[in-house]
Amino acid sequence: MLLRALPAPLALLLIAAGCTAQGDYPSLLPRPAETQNLDEPPPAAPEPPQTDPALDAQIATVMATLTERVSAFDAAATRAARLVSSARGAAAGSDRWLDAQVGLAELDSLRSSTGDLAIQLGDMAQERAVTVGSEYPALTAASAQVREAVAAQVARITALQGQLAPA
């Protein structure tokens, strides 16, 4: 009988333990340090590059040279295309085939001189990076324009070479 009466007071004692006064326990709410925004601030807008008249003059000279070299390449490409079309179907080593190869060699030489302009602009960019440390938009645009011209010339030479009999 004592065993039957024991569970009821024990259960009452356990329930009463949950009703005790609140102790000095830390709150489970987020602390102020946990609610702070720790994201990095957005980077400051870069300063616009200051104009460099000397560099602008050098870029203008290179771009004028590019125009001349592209015109010379286009004229030579027209001549080479005529030579290649007359050599189409000719055996490798024939006179017409050799004339076409000479025309293609001239194109390759002109393409190389256009590529030299990319080297000049690269040297200018490197010098600017060392002295100023920032990019110059006009120089970047000129470099891209020269690379596009060289790529177009390479594509044209490759297309003409593909029309000739292999050596």
C-alpha atoms as a PDB file:
ATOM      1  CA  MET A   1       0.000   0.000   0.000  1.00  0.00           C
ATOM      2  CA  LEU A   2       2.859   2.269   0.689  1.00  0.00           C
ATOM      3  CA  LEU A   3       4.061   1.621  -2.840  1.00  0.00           C
ATOM      4  CA  ARG A   4       0.713   2.761  -4.265  1.00  0.00           C
ATOM      5  CA  ALA A   5       0.700   6.010  -2.335  1.00  0.00           C
ATOM      6  CA  LEU A   6       4.277   6.894  -3.247  1.00  0.00           C
ATOM      7  CA  PRO A   7       3.806   7.763  -6.963  1.00  0.00           C
ATOM      8  CA  ALA A   8       1.184  10.504  -6.396  1.00  0.00           C
ATOM      9  CA  PRO A   9       3.289  12.676  -4.008  1.00  0.00           C
ATOM     10  CA  LEU A  10       6.350  12.056  -6.158  1.00  0.00           C
ATOM     11  CA  ALA A  11       4.526  13.284  -9.251  1.00  0.00           C
ATOM     12  CA  LEU A  12       3.260  16.311  -7.323  1.00  0.00           C
ATOM     13  CA  LEU A  13       6.798  17.066  -6.192  1.00  0.00           C
ATOM     14  CA  LEU A  14       8.115  16.897  -9.771  1.00  0.00           C
ATOM     15  CA  ILE A  15       5.390  19.223 -11.044  1.00  0.00           C
ATOM     16  CA  ALA A  16       6.030  21.689  -8.229  1.00  0.00           C
ATOM     17  CA  ALA A  17       9.741  21.787  -9.107  1.00  0.00           C
ATOM     18  CA  GLY A  18       8.848  23.415 -12.431  1.00  0.00           C
ATOM     19  CA  CYS A  19       7.011  26.212 -10.612  1.00  0.00           C
ATOM     20  CA  THR A  20       9.970  27.550  -8.724  1.00  0.00           C
ATOM     21  CA  ALA A  21      10.993  31.186  -8.981  1.00  0.00           C
ATOM     22  CA  GLN A  22      13.126  32.244 -11.946  1.00  0.00           C
ATOM     23  CA  GLY A  23      16.824  32.220 -11.177  1.00  0.00           C
ATOM     24  CA  ASP A  24      19.513  34.558 -12.417  1.00  0.00           C
ATOM     25  CA  TYR A  25      20.008  32.828 -15.771  1.00  0.00           C
ATOM     26  CA  PRO A  26      21.147  34.559 -18.979  1.00  0.00           C
ATOM     27  CA  SER A  27      18.512  35.413 -21.530  1.00  0.00           C
ATOM     28  CA  LEU A  28      18.317  33.352 -24.699  1.00  0.00           C
ATOM     29  CA  LEU A  29      17.519  36.443 -26.769  1.00  0.00           C
ATOM     30  CA  PRO A  30      20.219  37.592 -29.223  1.00  0.00           C
ATOM     31  CA  ARG A  31      22.842  39.789 -27.639  1.00  0.00           C
ATOM     32  CA  PRO A  32      23.585  43.237 -29.099  1.00  0.00           C
ATOM     33  CA  ALA A  33      26.892  41.998 -30.518  1.00  0.00           C
ATOM     34  CA  GLU A  34      25.063  39.214 -32.327  1.00  0.00           C
ATOM     35  CA  THR A  35      22.712  41.624 -34.094  1.00  0.00           C
ATOM     36  CA  GLN A  36      25.413  43.968 -35.403  1.00  0.00           C
ATOM     37  CA  ASN A  37      26.008  44.037 -39.156  1.00  0.00           C
ATOM     38  CA  LEU A  38      29.518  42.746 -39.742  1.00  0.00           C
ATOM     39  CA  ASP A  39      29.464  43.054 -43.544  1.00  0.00           C
ATOM     40  CA  GLU A  40      32.326  44.960 -45.096  1.00  0.00           C
ATOM     41  CA  PRO A  41      31.387  48.413 -46.297  1.00  0.00           C
ATOM     42  CA  PRO A  42      31.097  48.762 -50.073  1.00  0.00           C
ATOM     43  CA  PRO A  43      34.334  49.826 -51.728  1.00  0.00           C
ATOM     44  CA  ALA A  44      34.703  53.474 -52.514  1.00  0.00           C
ATOM     45  CA  ALA A  45      34.219  54.453 -56.129  1.00  0.00           C
ATOM     46  CA  PRO A  46      37.578  54.632 -57.879  1.00  0.00           C
ATOM     47  CA  GLU A  47      38.797  58.027 -58.849  1.00  0.00           C
ATOM     48  CA  PRO A  48      38.451  58.746 -62.544  1.00  0.00           C
ATOM     49  CA  PRO A  49      41.868  58.700 -64.169  1.00  0.00           C
ATOM     50  CA  GLN A  50      43.325  62.077 -64.858  1.00  0.00           C
ATOM     51  CA  THR A  51      44.007  62.848 -68.470  1.00  0.00           C
ATOM     52  CA  ASP A  52      47.553  62.476 -69.656  1.00  0.00           C
ATOM     53  CA  PRO A  53      48.123  64.644 -72.748  1.00  0.00           C
ATOM     54  CA  ALA A  54      51.500  63.063 -73.527  1.00  0.00           C
ATOM     55  CA  LEU A  55      50.032  59.564 -73.395  1.00  0.00           C
ATOM     56  CA  ASP A  56      47.019  60.683 -75.429  1.00  0.00           C
ATOM     57  CA  ALA A  57      49.394  61.974 -78.124  1.00  0.00           C
ATOM     58  CA  GLN A  58      51.284  58.656 -78.168  1.00  0.00           C
ATOM     59  CA  ILE A  59      48.011  56.730 -78.430  1.00  0.00           C
ATOM     60  CA  ALA A  60      46.845  58.978 -81.291  1.00  0.00           C
ATOM     61  CA  THR A  61      50.116  58.323 -83.141  1.00  0.00           C
ATOM     62  CA  VAL A  62      49.736  54.573 -82.715  1.00  0.00           C
ATOM     63  CA  MET A  63      46.108  54.682 -83.862  1.00  0.00           C
ATOM     64  CA  ALA A  64      47.054  56.695 -86.980  1.00  0.00           C
ATOM     65  CA  THR A  65      49.730  54.105 -87.717  1.00  0.00           C
ATOM     66  CA  LEU A  66      47.138  51.364 -87.205  1.00  0.00           C
ATOM     67  CA  THR A  67      44.870  52.974 -89.790  1.00  0.00           C
ATOM     68  CA  GLU A  68      47.751  53.132 -92.292  1.00  0.00           C
ATOM     69  CA  ARG A  69      48.771  49.528 -91.672  1.00  0.00           C
ATOM     70  CA  VAL A  70      45.214  48.214 -91.921  1.00  0.00           C
ATOM     71  CA  SER A  71      44.801  50.035 -95.247  1.00  0.00           C
ATOM     72  CA  ALA A  72      48.084  48.597 -96.529  1.00  0.00           C
ATOM     73  CA  PHE A  73      47.030  45.120 -95.388  1.00  0.00           C
ATOM     74  CA  ASP A  74      43.634  45.430 -97.081  1.00  0.00           C
ATOM     75  CA  ALA A  75      45.255  46.452-100.385  1.00  0.00           C
ATOM     76  CA  ALA A  76      47.749  43.588-100.169  1.00  0.00           C
ATOM     77  CA  ALA A  77      44.958  41.185 -99.211  1.00  0.00           C
ATOM     78  CA  THR A  78      43.054  42.127-102.360  1.00  0.00           C
ATOM     79  CA  ARG A  79      46.158  41.385-104.462  1.00  0.00           C
ATOM     80  CA  ALA A  80      46.785  38.146-102.571  1.00  0.00           C
ATOM     81  CA  ALA A  81      43.163  37.073-103.049  1.00  0.00           C
ATOM     82  CA  ARG A  82      43.556  37.505-106.818  1.00  0.00           C
ATOM     83  CA  LEU A  83      46.765  35.463-106.752  1.00  0.00           C
ATOM     84  CA  VAL A  84      45.136  32.759-104.620  1.00  0.00           C
ATOM     85  CA  SER A  85      42.101  32.552-106.884  1.00  0.00           C
ATOM     86  CA  SER A  86      44.358  32.150-109.945  1.00  0.00           C
ATOM     87  CA  ALA A  87      46.332  29.446-108.094  1.00  0.00           C
ATOM     88  CA  ARG A  88      43.221  27.559-106.996  1.00  0.00           C
ATOM     89  CA  GLY A  89      43.528  24.023-108.293  1.00  0.00           C
ATOM     90  CA  ALA A  90      47.204  24.483-109.201  1.00  0.00           C
ATOM     91  CA  ALA A  91      49.668  21.950-107.900  1.00  0.00           C
ATOM     92  CA  ALA A  92      51.916  22.872-105.016  1.00  0.00           C
ATOM     93  CA  GLY A  93      55.187  24.238-106.353  1.00  0.00           C
ATOM     94  CA  SER A  94      53.731  25.564-109.609  1.00  0.00           C
ATOM     95  CA  ASP A  95      54.406  29.166-110.625  1.00  0.00           C
ATOM     96  CA  ARG A  96      50.866  30.324-109.787  1.00  0.00           C
ATOM     97  CA  TRP A  97      51.007  28.560-106.404  1.00  0.00           C
ATOM     98  CA  LEU A  98      54.391  30.165-105.638  1.00  0.00           C
ATOM     99  CA  ASP A  99      53.057  33.613-106.611  1.00  0.00           C
ATOM    100  CA  ALA A 100      50.143  33.105-104.212  1.00  0.00           C
ATOM    101  CA  GLN A 101      52.555  32.046-101.461  1.00  0.00           C
ATOM    102  CA  VAL A 102      54.576  35.233-101.997  1.00  0.00           C
ATOM    103  CA  GLY A 103      51.362  37.257-101.684  1.00  0.00           C
ATOM    104  CA  LEU A 104      50.513  35.445 -98.441  1.00  0.00           C
ATOM    105  CA  ALA A 105      54.038  36.064 -97.110  1.00  0.00           C
ATOM    106  CA  GLU A 106      53.548  39.776 -97.771  1.00  0.00           C
ATOM    107  CA  LEU A 107      50.275  39.639 -95.836  1.00  0.00           C
ATOM    108  CA  ASP A 108      51.989  37.902 -92.944  1.00  0.00           C
ATOM    109  CA  SER A 109      54.672  40.589 -92.875  1.00  0.00           C
ATOM    110  CA  LEU A 110      52.030  43.326 -92.783  1.00  0.00           C
ATOM    111  CA  ARG A 111      50.146  41.474 -90.029  1.00  0.00           C
ATOM    112  CA  SER A 112      53.366  41.300 -88.032  1.00  0.00           C
ATOM    113  CA  SER A 113      53.885  45.054 -88.332  1.00  0.00           C
ATOM    114  CA  THR A 114      50.323  45.574 -87.084  1.00  0.00           C
ATOM    115  CA  GLY A 115      51.086  43.268 -84.156  1.00  0.00           C
ATOM    116  CA  ASP A 116      54.054  45.483 -83.280  1.00  0.00           C
ATOM    117  CA  LEU A 117      51.555  48.207 -82.420  1.00  0.00           C
ATOM    118  CA  ALA A 118      50.056  45.938 -79.762  1.00  0.00           C
ATOM    119  CA  ILE A 119      53.527  45.592 -78.262  1.00  0.00           C
ATOM    120  CA  GLN A 120      53.973  49.379 -78.236  1.00  0.00           C
ATOM    121  CA  LEU A 121      50.641  49.849 -76.476  1.00  0.00           C
ATOM    122  CA  GLY A 122      51.515  47.080 -74.017  1.00  0.00           C
ATOM    123  CA  ASP A 123      54.768  48.855 -73.188  1.00  0.00           C
ATOM    124  CA  MET A 124      52.852  52.102 -72.623  1.00  0.00           C
ATOM    125  CA  ALA A 125      50.401  50.320 -70.325  1.00  0.00           C
ATOM    126  CA  GLN A 126      53.228  48.706 -68.374  1.00  0.00           C
ATOM    127  CA  GLU A 127      55.025  52.023 -67.950  1.00  0.00           C
ATOM    128  CA  ARG A 128      51.813  53.653 -66.766  1.00  0.00           C
ATOM    129  CA  ALA A 129      51.150  50.827 -64.309  1.00  0.00           C
ATOM    130  CA  VAL A 130      54.583  51.298 -62.792  1.00  0.00           C
ATOM    131  CA  THR A 131      54.436  55.086 -62.550  1.00  0.00           C
ATOM    132  CA  VAL A 132      50.749  55.820 -61.913  1.00  0.00           C
ATOM    133  CA  GLY A 133      49.334  52.455 -60.927  1.00  0.00           C
ATOM    134  CA  SER A 134      45.954  52.796 -62.614  1.00  0.00           C
ATOM    135  CA  GLU A 135      44.460  51.839 -65.947  1.00  0.00           C
ATOM    136  CA  TYR A 136      43.927  54.436 -68.631  1.00  0.00           C
ATOM    137  CA  PRO A 137      40.667  53.862 -70.536  1.00  0.00           C
ATOM    138  CA  ALA A 138      41.934  55.325 -73.813  1.00  0.00           C
ATOM    139  CA  LEU A 139      44.946  53.015 -73.699  1.00  0.00           C
ATOM    140  CA  THR A 140      42.781  49.996 -72.912  1.00  0.00           C
ATOM    141  CA  ALA A 141      40.436  50.816 -75.797  1.00  0.00           C
ATOM    142  CA  ALA A 142      43.323  51.325 -78.220  1.00  0.00           C
ATOM    143  CA  SER A 143      44.858  47.989 -77.205  1.00  0.00           C
ATOM    144  CA  ALA A 144      41.553  46.234 -77.792  1.00  0.00           C
ATOM    145  CA  GLN A 145      41.206  47.863 -81.206  1.00  0.00           C
ATOM    146  CA  VAL A 146      44.702  46.748 -82.247  1.00  0.00           C
ATOM    147  CA  ARG A 147      44.053  43.184 -81.025  1.00  0.00           C
ATOM    148  CA  GLU A 148      40.819  43.083 -83.043  1.00  0.00           C
ATOM    149  CA  ALA A 149      42.634  44.296 -86.169  1.00  0.00           C
ATOM    150  CA  VAL A 150      45.353  41.657 -85.770  1.00  0.00           C
ATOM    151  CA  ALA A 151      42.757  38.928 -85.203  1.00  0.00           C
ATOM    152  CA  ALA A 152      40.881  39.988 -88.356  1.00  0.00           C
ATOM    153  CA  GLN A 153      44.118  39.921 -90.348  1.00  0.00           C
ATOM    154  CA  VAL A 154      45.014  36.462 -89.046  1.00  0.00           C
ATOM    155  CA  ALA A 155      41.550  35.197 -89.988  1.00  0.00           C
ATOM    156  CA  ARG A 156      41.855  36.625 -93.496  1.00  0.00           C
ATOM    157  CA  ILE A 157      45.308  35.079 -94.031  1.00  0.00           C
ATOM    158  CA  THR A 158      44.079  31.722 -92.743  1.00  0.00           C
ATOM    159  CA  ALA A 159      41.081  31.800 -95.080  1.00  0.00           C
ATOM    160  CA  LEU A 160      43.300  32.510 -98.084  1.00  0.00           C
ATOM    161  CA  GLN A 161      45.802  29.807 -97.110  1.00  0.00           C
ATOM    162  CA  GLY A 162      42.990  27.293 -96.874  1.00  0.00           C
ATOM    163  CA  GLN A 163      42.193  27.840-100.557  1.00  0.00           C
ATOM    164  CA  LEU A 164      45.640  26.737-101.735  1.00  0.00           C
ATOM    165  CA  ALA A 165      46.922  23.228-102.211  1.00  0.00           C
ATOM    166  CA  PRO A 166      49.037  22.118 -99.248  1.00  0.00           C
ATOM    167  CA  ALA A 167      52.793  22.205 -99.725  1.00  0.00           C
END
